[in-house]
Amino acid sequence: MEERRGKARHRVLKAGTIEFGGGAIDCTVRNFSDHGAALDVTSPLGIPEHFTLFIPADGTHLPCTVVWRKETRIGVRFG
């Protein structure tokens, strides 16, 4: 498979929360770079194109745009 990312992502396993419009969905951050991440979710249905990713372990809030969706994983770009 051809790598299409501009920057390599590092494997991680951190709890996260997808926050949008007063709602929140739990997720797991599976890989991470300065520019984006892959998130495991129960279902990508209902997750908007733009949201904030909160990672409690780091205390970070990152604005995200969904780049791709698969069965239980979504790829996001930060910014």
Protein backbone atom coordinates (compact mmCIF):
# COMPACT_ATOMS: atom_id res chain seq x y z
CA MET A 1 0.00 0.00 0.00
CA GLU A 2 1.34 3.42 -0.95
CA GLU A 3 1.85 5.93 1.89
CA ARG A 4 -0.08 9.12 1.14
CA ARG A 5 0.66 11.07 4.31
CA GLY A 6 3.14 13.93 4.24
CA LYS A 7 4.36 13.09 7.75
CA ALA A 8 4.71 9.71 9.44
CA ARG A 9 2.32 8.97 12.28
CA HIS A 10 3.38 7.37 15.54
CA ARG A 11 1.38 4.56 17.09
CA VAL A 12 -0.29 5.49 20.35
CA LEU A 13 -3.12 4.17 22.47
CA LYS A 14 -4.83 7.05 24.26
CA ALA A 15 -8.40 7.71 25.32
CA GLY A 16 -10.03 10.66 23.60
CA THR A 17 -13.33 12.46 23.26
CA ILE A 18 -14.85 13.78 20.06
CA GLU A 19 -16.65 17.00 21.06
CA PHE A 20 -19.19 18.81 18.89
CA GLY A 21 -22.35 20.87 19.28
CA GLY A 22 -22.66 20.19 23.00
CA GLY A 23 -22.29 16.41 22.48
CA ALA A 24 -19.38 14.06 23.00
CA ILE A 25 -18.36 10.60 21.75
CA ASP A 26 -15.59 8.50 23.30
CA CYS A 27 -12.80 7.33 21.00
CA THR A 28 -9.33 5.82 21.08
CA VAL A 29 -6.43 7.61 19.41
CA ARG A 30 -4.53 4.89 17.51
CA ASN A 31 -1.86 6.90 15.72
CA PHE A 32 -0.85 10.52 15.84
CA SER A 33 1.32 13.11 14.08
CA ASP A 34 1.63 16.89 14.13
CA HIS A 35 -0.90 17.04 11.29
CA GLY A 36 -3.49 14.34 12.00
CA ALA A 37 -4.57 11.12 13.66
CA ALA A 38 -6.56 7.91 13.29
CA LEU A 39 -9.35 7.41 15.79
CA ASP A 40 -11.18 4.21 16.70
CA VAL A 41 -14.90 4.78 17.26
CA THR A 42 -17.88 2.51 17.87
CA SER A 43 -19.46 3.89 14.70
CA PRO A 44 -18.51 6.83 12.47
CA LEU A 45 -22.22 7.58 11.90
CA GLY A 46 -23.29 10.86 13.44
CA ILE A 47 -19.77 12.25 13.71
CA PRO A 48 -19.67 15.60 11.90
CA GLU A 49 -17.00 16.65 9.39
CA HIS A 50 -15.54 19.17 11.88
CA PHE A 51 -15.14 18.64 15.63
CA THR A 52 -12.73 19.08 18.54
CA LEU A 53 -10.65 16.14 19.75
CA PHE A 54 -9.95 16.24 23.48
CA ILE A 55 -7.13 14.04 24.80
CA PRO A 56 -7.40 14.05 28.62
CA ALA A 57 -3.96 12.48 29.22
CA ASP A 58 -2.31 15.45 27.48
CA GLY A 59 -4.95 18.06 28.32
CA THR A 60 -5.09 19.00 24.62
CA HIS A 61 -8.00 20.19 22.49
CA LEU A 62 -7.39 19.87 18.73
CA PRO A 63 -9.69 21.14 15.97
CA CYS A 64 -10.23 18.31 13.46
CA THR A 65 -11.55 17.77 9.94
CA VAL A 66 -12.50 14.24 8.89
CA VAL A 67 -10.43 13.06 5.90
CA TRP A 68 -11.68 9.46 5.67
CA ARG A 69 -14.09 7.06 7.36
CA LYS A 70 -13.98 3.28 7.63
CA GLU A 71 -16.07 0.78 9.58
CA THR A 72 -14.86 1.70 13.09
CA ARG A 73 -12.04 4.15 12.37
CA ILE A 74 -11.81 7.71 11.10
CA GLY A 75 -8.82 9.68 9.89
CA VAL A 76 -8.59 13.35 10.79
CA ARG A 77 -6.46 16.35 9.88
CA PHE A 78 -5.75 18.96 12.54
CA GLY A 79 -6.56 22.59 11.97
